[in-house]
């Protein structure tokens, strides 16, 4: 029973509990990241006005990157809630990028790897089929 709630079987059986939790965390994390990105952009803008253009540009760009990442997290979380195939791909890509960025931090590497692994386990709920390469047959 718990296995079916965590992993689900198909789109008709509803959303697995794990997907719901990941979606909620993704949206919350996206909101925080986007707000921090906006704050970084504002800081860079104000610093540039106060005649320190060298550091201001970097702060503004870092804030812009944070805003874009936050939007991607929110977008992925909303799509995961709706069990959209594109959301599975986006969340998997975000998980892989998160894993690469966290190299050197074993705890975060495990978290990102677990997220991607879980998404692969439940990919059937998103109607995602990973292509299988077959060998051509001789006729």
N, C-alpha and C. Protein backbone atom coordinates (compact mmCIF):
# COMPACT_ATOMS: atom_id res chain seq x y z
N UNK A 1 0.82 -1.20 0.00
CA UNK A 1 0.00 0.00 0.00
C UNK A 1 0.86 1.26 0.00
N UNK A 2 1.84 1.33 0.93
CA UNK A 2 2.72 2.49 0.99
C UNK A 2 3.55 2.58 -0.29
N UNK A 3 3.98 1.44 -0.82
CA UNK A 3 4.77 1.44 -2.05
C UNK A 3 3.98 2.09 -3.18
N UNK A 4 2.70 1.79 -3.31
CA UNK A 4 1.89 2.38 -4.36
C UNK A 4 1.72 3.89 -4.16
N UNK A 5 1.63 4.33 -2.92
CA UNK A 5 1.49 5.77 -2.66
C UNK A 5 2.78 6.50 -2.99
N UNK A 6 3.93 5.88 -2.69
CA UNK A 6 5.22 6.53 -2.94
C UNK A 6 5.61 6.51 -4.41
N UNK A 7 5.37 5.39 -5.08
CA UNK A 7 5.87 5.22 -6.43
C UNK A 7 4.80 5.26 -7.49
N UNK A 8 3.53 5.04 -7.13
CA UNK A 8 2.45 5.07 -8.11
C UNK A 8 2.64 4.00 -9.17
N UNK A 9 1.70 3.90 -10.06
CA UNK A 9 1.80 2.92 -11.13
C UNK A 9 1.53 3.57 -12.49
N UNK A 10 0.56 4.44 -12.57
CA UNK A 10 0.25 5.07 -13.84
C UNK A 10 -0.46 6.40 -13.55
N UNK A 11 -0.66 7.17 -14.60
CA UNK A 11 -1.31 8.47 -14.45
C UNK A 11 -2.73 8.33 -13.91
N UNK A 12 -3.38 7.22 -14.16
CA UNK A 12 -4.77 7.06 -13.73
C UNK A 12 -4.87 6.83 -12.23
N UNK A 13 -3.79 6.38 -11.60
CA UNK A 13 -3.83 6.12 -10.16
C UNK A 13 -3.51 7.34 -9.33
N UNK A 14 -3.21 8.46 -9.95
CA UNK A 14 -2.93 9.67 -9.21
C UNK A 14 -1.45 9.93 -9.05
N UNK A 15 -1.18 11.00 -8.36
CA UNK A 15 0.19 11.47 -8.16
C UNK A 15 0.81 10.75 -6.98
N UNK A 16 2.03 10.20 -7.15
CA UNK A 16 2.72 9.59 -6.01
C UNK A 16 3.04 10.64 -4.95
N UNK A 17 3.04 10.23 -3.70
CA UNK A 17 3.33 11.12 -2.58
C UNK A 17 4.69 11.79 -2.73
N UNK A 18 5.68 11.04 -3.17
CA UNK A 18 7.02 11.60 -3.35
C UNK A 18 7.05 12.72 -4.37
N UNK A 19 6.28 12.58 -5.45
CA UNK A 19 6.22 13.63 -6.47
C UNK A 19 5.56 14.88 -5.89
N UNK A 20 4.52 14.69 -5.10
CA UNK A 20 3.86 15.82 -4.44
C UNK A 20 4.85 16.56 -3.54
N UNK A 21 5.61 15.82 -2.75
CA UNK A 21 6.58 16.45 -1.85
C UNK A 21 7.66 17.18 -2.62
N UNK A 22 8.18 16.56 -3.68
CA UNK A 22 9.21 17.21 -4.50
C UNK A 22 8.65 18.48 -5.13
N UNK A 23 7.42 18.42 -5.62
CA UNK A 23 6.81 19.59 -6.26
C UNK A 23 6.65 20.74 -5.27
N UNK A 24 6.19 20.44 -4.07
CA UNK A 24 6.01 21.48 -3.05
C UNK A 24 7.35 22.10 -2.67
N UNK A 25 8.35 21.27 -2.46
CA UNK A 25 9.69 21.78 -2.11
C UNK A 25 10.26 22.59 -3.28
N UNK A 26 10.06 22.13 -4.52
CA UNK A 26 10.58 22.86 -5.68
C UNK A 26 9.95 24.24 -5.80
N UNK A 27 8.65 24.32 -5.60
CA UNK A 27 7.97 25.62 -5.69
C UNK A 27 8.44 26.54 -4.56
N UNK A 28 8.52 26.02 -3.34
CA UNK A 28 8.98 26.84 -2.21
C UNK A 28 10.42 27.30 -2.42
N UNK A 29 11.28 26.37 -2.84
CA UNK A 29 12.68 26.70 -3.10
C UNK A 29 12.78 27.72 -4.24
N UNK A 30 11.93 27.57 -5.25
CA UNK A 30 11.93 28.51 -6.36
C UNK A 30 11.52 29.91 -5.95
N UNK A 31 10.52 30.00 -5.08
CA UNK A 31 10.08 31.31 -4.60
C UNK A 31 11.21 31.99 -3.83
N UNK A 32 11.85 31.26 -2.93
CA UNK A 32 12.95 31.84 -2.14
C UNK A 32 14.10 32.24 -3.06
N UNK A 33 14.46 31.36 -4.00
CA UNK A 33 15.57 31.65 -4.91
C UNK A 33 15.27 32.87 -5.78
N UNK A 34 14.04 32.96 -6.29
CA UNK A 34 13.66 34.09 -7.12
C UNK A 34 13.69 35.40 -6.32
N UNK A 35 13.19 35.35 -5.09
CA UNK A 35 13.22 36.55 -4.25
C UNK A 35 14.65 36.98 -3.94
N UNK A 36 15.50 36.01 -3.63
CA UNK A 36 16.91 36.34 -3.39
C UNK A 36 17.58 36.87 -4.67
N UNK A 37 17.18 36.33 -5.81
CA UNK A 37 17.70 36.84 -7.08
C UNK A 37 17.28 38.28 -7.32
N UNK A 38 16.01 38.58 -7.04
CA UNK A 38 15.55 39.96 -7.17
C UNK A 38 16.31 40.89 -6.22
N UNK A 39 16.54 40.41 -5.01
CA UNK A 39 17.30 41.20 -4.05
C UNK A 39 18.72 41.44 -4.54
N UNK A 40 19.34 40.41 -5.12
CA UNK A 40 20.69 40.55 -5.67
C UNK A 40 20.72 41.53 -6.83
N UNK A 41 19.71 41.48 -7.68
CA UNK A 41 19.63 42.43 -8.80
C UNK A 41 19.48 43.86 -8.28
N UNK A 42 18.63 44.04 -7.29
CA UNK A 42 18.43 45.35 -6.70
C UNK A 42 19.72 45.86 -6.05
N UNK A 43 20.40 44.98 -5.33
CA UNK A 43 21.67 45.35 -4.70
C UNK A 43 22.68 45.78 -5.76
N UNK A 44 22.78 45.01 -6.84
CA UNK A 44 23.70 45.37 -7.92
C UNK A 44 23.34 46.69 -8.55
N UNK A 45 22.06 46.94 -8.74
CA UNK A 45 21.60 48.18 -9.34
C UNK A 45 21.95 49.38 -8.44
N UNK A 46 21.64 49.24 -7.16
CA UNK A 46 21.90 50.34 -6.22
C UNK A 46 23.40 50.56 -6.08
N UNK A 47 24.18 49.49 -6.01
CA UNK A 47 25.63 49.63 -5.91
C UNK A 47 26.19 50.32 -7.15
N UNK A 48 25.63 50.01 -8.31
CA UNK A 48 26.06 50.68 -9.54
C UNK A 48 25.74 52.16 -9.52
N UNK A 49 24.60 52.52 -8.95
CA UNK A 49 24.24 53.94 -8.83
C UNK A 49 25.15 54.68 -7.86
N UNK A 50 25.68 53.95 -6.89
CA UNK A 50 26.53 54.57 -5.88
C UNK A 50 27.99 54.61 -6.33
N UNK A 51 28.22 54.53 -7.63
CA UNK A 51 29.53 54.66 -8.27
C UNK A 51 30.51 53.54 -7.94
N UNK A 52 30.05 52.33 -7.95
CA UNK A 52 30.93 51.18 -7.83
C UNK A 52 30.55 50.17 -8.91
N UNK A 53 30.78 50.54 -10.17
CA UNK A 53 30.27 49.72 -11.26
C UNK A 53 30.93 48.36 -11.39
N UNK A 54 32.15 48.18 -10.94
CA UNK A 54 32.83 46.89 -11.10
C UNK A 54 32.11 45.75 -10.44
N UNK A 55 31.84 45.87 -9.15
CA UNK A 55 31.16 44.81 -8.42
C UNK A 55 29.68 44.78 -8.67
N UNK A 56 29.11 45.91 -9.07
CA UNK A 56 27.67 45.99 -9.27
C UNK A 56 27.22 45.09 -10.41
N UNK A 57 28.00 45.04 -11.46
CA UNK A 57 27.63 44.21 -12.61
C UNK A 57 27.58 42.74 -12.24
N UNK A 58 28.56 42.29 -11.46
CA UNK A 58 28.58 40.89 -11.04
C UNK A 58 27.40 40.58 -10.12
N UNK A 59 27.08 41.48 -9.20
CA UNK A 59 25.95 41.27 -8.31
C UNK A 59 24.64 41.22 -9.08
N UNK A 60 24.51 42.11 -10.06
CA UNK A 60 23.28 42.15 -10.85
C UNK A 60 23.12 40.86 -11.65
N UNK A 61 24.20 40.41 -12.30
CA UNK A 61 24.14 39.19 -13.10
C UNK A 61 23.87 37.98 -12.21
N UNK A 62 24.51 37.92 -11.05
CA UNK A 62 24.26 36.80 -10.12
C UNK A 62 22.79 36.81 -9.68
N UNK A 63 22.25 37.98 -9.44
CA UNK A 63 20.83 38.08 -9.08
C UNK A 63 19.93 37.65 -10.21
N UNK A 64 20.30 38.00 -11.44
CA UNK A 64 19.52 37.60 -12.60
C UNK A 64 19.53 36.08 -12.77
N UNK A 65 20.69 35.46 -12.56
CA UNK A 65 20.80 34.00 -12.62
C UNK A 65 19.92 33.37 -11.54
N UNK A 66 19.94 33.94 -10.34
CA UNK A 66 19.08 33.44 -9.27
C UNK A 66 17.61 33.56 -9.61
N UNK A 67 17.23 34.65 -10.23
CA UNK A 67 15.83 34.85 -10.63
C UNK A 67 15.42 33.81 -11.68
N UNK A 68 16.29 33.55 -12.64
CA UNK A 68 16.00 32.57 -13.68
C UNK A 68 15.91 31.16 -13.08
N UNK A 69 16.84 30.81 -12.20
CA UNK A 69 16.79 29.50 -11.54
C UNK A 69 15.53 29.35 -10.70
N UNK A 70 15.17 30.40 -9.99
CA UNK A 70 13.95 30.36 -9.19
C UNK A 70 12.72 30.13 -10.05
N UNK A 71 12.67 30.82 -11.18
CA UNK A 71 11.55 30.62 -12.10
C UNK A 71 11.52 29.19 -12.63
N UNK A 72 12.69 28.62 -12.91
CA UNK A 72 12.76 27.24 -13.40
C UNK A 72 12.26 26.27 -12.33
N UNK A 73 12.65 26.50 -11.07
CA UNK A 73 12.17 25.64 -9.98
C UNK A 73 10.65 25.72 -9.84
N UNK A 74 10.11 26.93 -9.88
CA UNK A 74 8.66 27.11 -9.76
C UNK A 74 7.95 26.43 -10.93
N UNK A 75 8.46 26.64 -12.12
CA UNK A 75 7.88 26.05 -13.33
C UNK A 75 7.91 24.52 -13.24
N UNK A 76 9.04 23.96 -12.83
CA UNK A 76 9.17 22.50 -12.70
C UNK A 76 8.22 21.96 -11.63
N UNK A 77 8.15 22.64 -10.50
CA UNK A 77 7.26 22.19 -9.42
C UNK A 77 5.80 22.20 -9.84
N UNK A 78 5.38 23.24 -10.54
CA UNK A 78 4.00 23.31 -11.01
C UNK A 78 3.72 22.20 -12.02
N UNK A 79 4.67 21.94 -12.90
CA UNK A 79 4.50 20.87 -13.87
C UNK A 79 4.50 19.50 -13.23
N UNK A 80 5.31 19.31 -12.20
CA UNK A 80 5.31 18.03 -11.48
C UNK A 80 3.97 17.78 -10.82
N UNK A 81 3.37 18.83 -10.28
CA UNK A 81 2.04 18.67 -9.66
C UNK A 81 1.02 18.19 -10.69
N UNK A 82 1.16 18.64 -11.92
CA UNK A 82 0.23 18.25 -12.97
C UNK A 82 0.68 17.00 -13.73
N UNK A 83 1.79 16.39 -13.30
CA UNK A 83 2.34 15.18 -13.93
C UNK A 83 2.61 15.38 -15.42
N UNK A 84 3.18 16.51 -15.78
CA UNK A 84 3.50 16.81 -17.17
C UNK A 84 4.86 16.20 -17.54
N UNK A 85 4.96 15.58 -18.72
CA UNK A 85 6.24 14.99 -19.14
C UNK A 85 7.38 16.00 -19.22
N UNK A 86 7.11 17.21 -19.71
CA UNK A 86 8.17 18.21 -19.79
C UNK A 86 8.69 18.57 -18.41
N UNK A 87 7.84 18.51 -17.40
CA UNK A 87 8.26 18.81 -16.03
C UNK A 87 9.21 17.74 -15.51
N UNK A 88 8.96 16.49 -15.91
CA UNK A 88 9.87 15.40 -15.52
C UNK A 88 11.25 15.66 -16.10
N UNK A 89 11.29 16.03 -17.39
CA UNK A 89 12.57 16.30 -18.02
C UNK A 89 13.26 17.50 -17.37
N UNK A 90 12.51 18.57 -17.10
CA UNK A 90 13.09 19.77 -16.49
C UNK A 90 13.60 19.46 -15.08
N UNK A 91 12.82 18.75 -14.29
CA UNK A 91 13.24 18.41 -12.93
C UNK A 91 14.47 17.50 -12.95
N UNK A 92 14.51 16.57 -13.90
CA UNK A 92 15.68 15.70 -14.02
C UNK A 92 16.91 16.51 -14.40
N UNK A 93 16.76 17.43 -15.35
CA UNK A 93 17.88 18.29 -15.74
C UNK A 93 18.35 19.15 -14.56
N UNK A 94 17.42 19.72 -13.82
CA UNK A 94 17.77 20.52 -12.65
C UNK A 94 18.50 19.66 -11.63
N UNK A 95 18.06 18.42 -11.44
CA UNK A 95 18.71 17.51 -10.51
C UNK A 95 20.13 17.17 -10.93
N UNK A 96 20.34 16.95 -12.22
CA UNK A 96 21.69 16.65 -12.71
C UNK A 96 22.60 17.85 -12.55
N UNK A 97 22.10 19.04 -12.90
CA UNK A 97 22.89 20.26 -12.73
C UNK A 97 23.19 20.49 -11.25
N UNK A 98 22.20 20.27 -10.39
CA UNK A 98 22.42 20.41 -8.95
C UNK A 98 23.48 19.46 -8.44
N UNK A 99 23.48 18.23 -8.96
CA UNK A 99 24.50 17.25 -8.57
C UNK A 99 25.89 17.73 -8.98
N UNK A 100 26.02 18.22 -10.21
CA UNK A 100 27.32 18.68 -10.69
C UNK A 100 27.79 19.88 -9.89
N UNK A 101 26.89 20.81 -9.60
CA UNK A 101 27.26 22.01 -8.84
C UNK A 101 27.68 21.63 -7.42
N UNK A 102 27.08 20.58 -6.87
CA UNK A 102 27.36 20.21 -5.48
C UNK A 102 28.55 19.27 -5.34
N UNK A 103 29.30 19.03 -6.41
CA UNK A 103 30.48 18.18 -6.31
C UNK A 103 31.38 18.68 -5.19
N UNK A 104 31.79 17.79 -4.33
CA UNK A 104 32.60 18.16 -3.18
C UNK A 104 31.79 18.25 -1.90
N UNK A 105 30.47 18.24 -2.01
CA UNK A 105 29.59 18.25 -0.84
C UNK A 105 28.80 16.95 -0.84
N UNK A 106 29.30 15.92 -0.15
CA UNK A 106 28.69 14.60 -0.23
C UNK A 106 27.20 14.56 0.12
N UNK A 107 26.79 15.33 1.10
CA UNK A 107 25.38 15.31 1.51
C UNK A 107 24.49 15.79 0.36
N UNK A 108 24.85 16.92 -0.26
CA UNK A 108 24.03 17.45 -1.35
C UNK A 108 24.13 16.58 -2.59
N UNK A 109 25.26 15.95 -2.81
CA UNK A 109 25.39 15.03 -3.94
C UNK A 109 24.41 13.87 -3.77
N UNK A 110 24.30 13.36 -2.55
CA UNK A 110 23.37 12.26 -2.28
C UNK A 110 21.93 12.73 -2.46
N UNK A 111 21.62 13.93 -1.98
CA UNK A 111 20.25 14.46 -2.12
C UNK A 111 19.88 14.59 -3.60
N UNK A 112 20.75 15.20 -4.40
CA UNK A 112 20.44 15.38 -5.82
C UNK A 112 20.37 14.03 -6.55
N UNK A 113 21.28 13.11 -6.21
CA UNK A 113 21.26 11.78 -6.84
C UNK A 113 19.98 11.03 -6.48
N UNK A 114 19.55 11.15 -5.23
CA UNK A 114 18.31 10.49 -4.81
C UNK A 114 17.11 11.09 -5.54
N UNK A 115 17.11 12.41 -5.72
CA UNK A 115 16.02 13.06 -6.44
C UNK A 115 15.94 12.54 -7.87
N UNK A 116 17.06 12.52 -8.56
CA UNK A 116 17.07 12.05 -9.95
C UNK A 116 16.71 10.57 -10.02
N UNK A 117 17.23 9.78 -9.10
CA UNK A 117 16.90 8.36 -9.06
C UNK A 117 15.42 8.14 -8.85
N UNK A 118 14.82 8.88 -7.93
CA UNK A 118 13.38 8.75 -7.67
C UNK A 118 12.57 9.16 -8.90
N UNK A 119 13.00 10.24 -9.56
CA UNK A 119 12.28 10.66 -10.76
C UNK A 119 12.33 9.59 -11.84
N UNK A 120 13.45 8.87 -11.94
CA UNK A 120 13.52 7.78 -12.91
C UNK A 120 12.59 6.63 -12.52
N UNK A 121 12.47 6.38 -11.23
CA UNK A 121 11.58 5.31 -10.77
C UNK A 121 10.13 5.62 -11.10
N UNK A 122 9.72 6.88 -10.95
CA UNK A 122 8.30 7.24 -11.15
C UNK A 122 8.03 7.82 -12.54
N UNK A 123 8.96 7.70 -13.47
CA UNK A 123 8.77 8.33 -14.78
C UNK A 123 7.53 7.81 -15.51
N UNK A 124 7.07 6.61 -15.20
CA UNK A 124 5.86 6.09 -15.83
C UNK A 124 4.63 6.92 -15.50
N UNK A 125 4.63 7.58 -14.35
CA UNK A 125 3.51 8.45 -13.98
C UNK A 125 3.43 9.68 -14.87
N UNK A 126 4.53 10.02 -15.52
CA UNK A 126 4.60 11.19 -16.40
C UNK A 126 4.50 10.80 -17.87
N UNK A 127 4.27 9.52 -18.14
CA UNK A 127 4.26 8.99 -19.51
C UNK A 127 5.57 9.29 -20.24
N UNK A 128 6.66 9.21 -19.51
CA UNK A 128 7.99 9.43 -20.10
C UNK A 128 8.60 8.08 -20.38
N UNK A 129 9.03 7.93 -21.59
CA UNK A 129 9.71 6.70 -21.97
C UNK A 129 11.12 7.06 -22.39
N UNK A 130 12.08 6.52 -21.67
CA UNK A 130 13.47 6.76 -22.01
C UNK A 130 13.79 5.88 -23.21
N UNK A 131 14.35 6.47 -24.30
CA UNK A 131 14.61 5.69 -25.49
C UNK A 131 15.61 4.56 -25.25
N UNK A 132 15.33 3.43 -25.87
CA UNK A 132 16.21 2.29 -25.76
C UNK A 132 16.87 2.07 -27.11
N UNK A 133 18.18 1.98 -27.12
CA UNK A 133 18.91 1.78 -28.37
C UNK A 133 18.93 0.29 -28.66
N UNK A 134 18.50 -0.07 -29.84
CA UNK A 134 18.52 -1.48 -30.24
C UNK A 134 19.47 -1.68 -31.39
N UNK A 135 20.00 -2.87 -31.50
CA UNK A 135 20.90 -3.20 -32.58
C UNK A 135 20.08 -3.54 -33.82
N UNK A 136 20.53 -3.08 -34.97
CA UNK A 136 19.81 -3.41 -36.21
C UNK A 136 19.91 -4.91 -36.49
N UNK A 137 18.87 -5.47 -37.01
CA UNK A 137 18.87 -6.90 -37.32
C UNK A 137 19.22 -7.09 -38.78
N UNK A 138 19.95 -8.14 -39.05
CA UNK A 138 20.32 -8.46 -40.43
C UNK A 138 19.16 -9.16 -41.11
N UNK A 139 18.87 -8.76 -42.32
CA UNK A 139 17.77 -9.39 -43.06
C UNK A 139 18.25 -10.20 -44.22
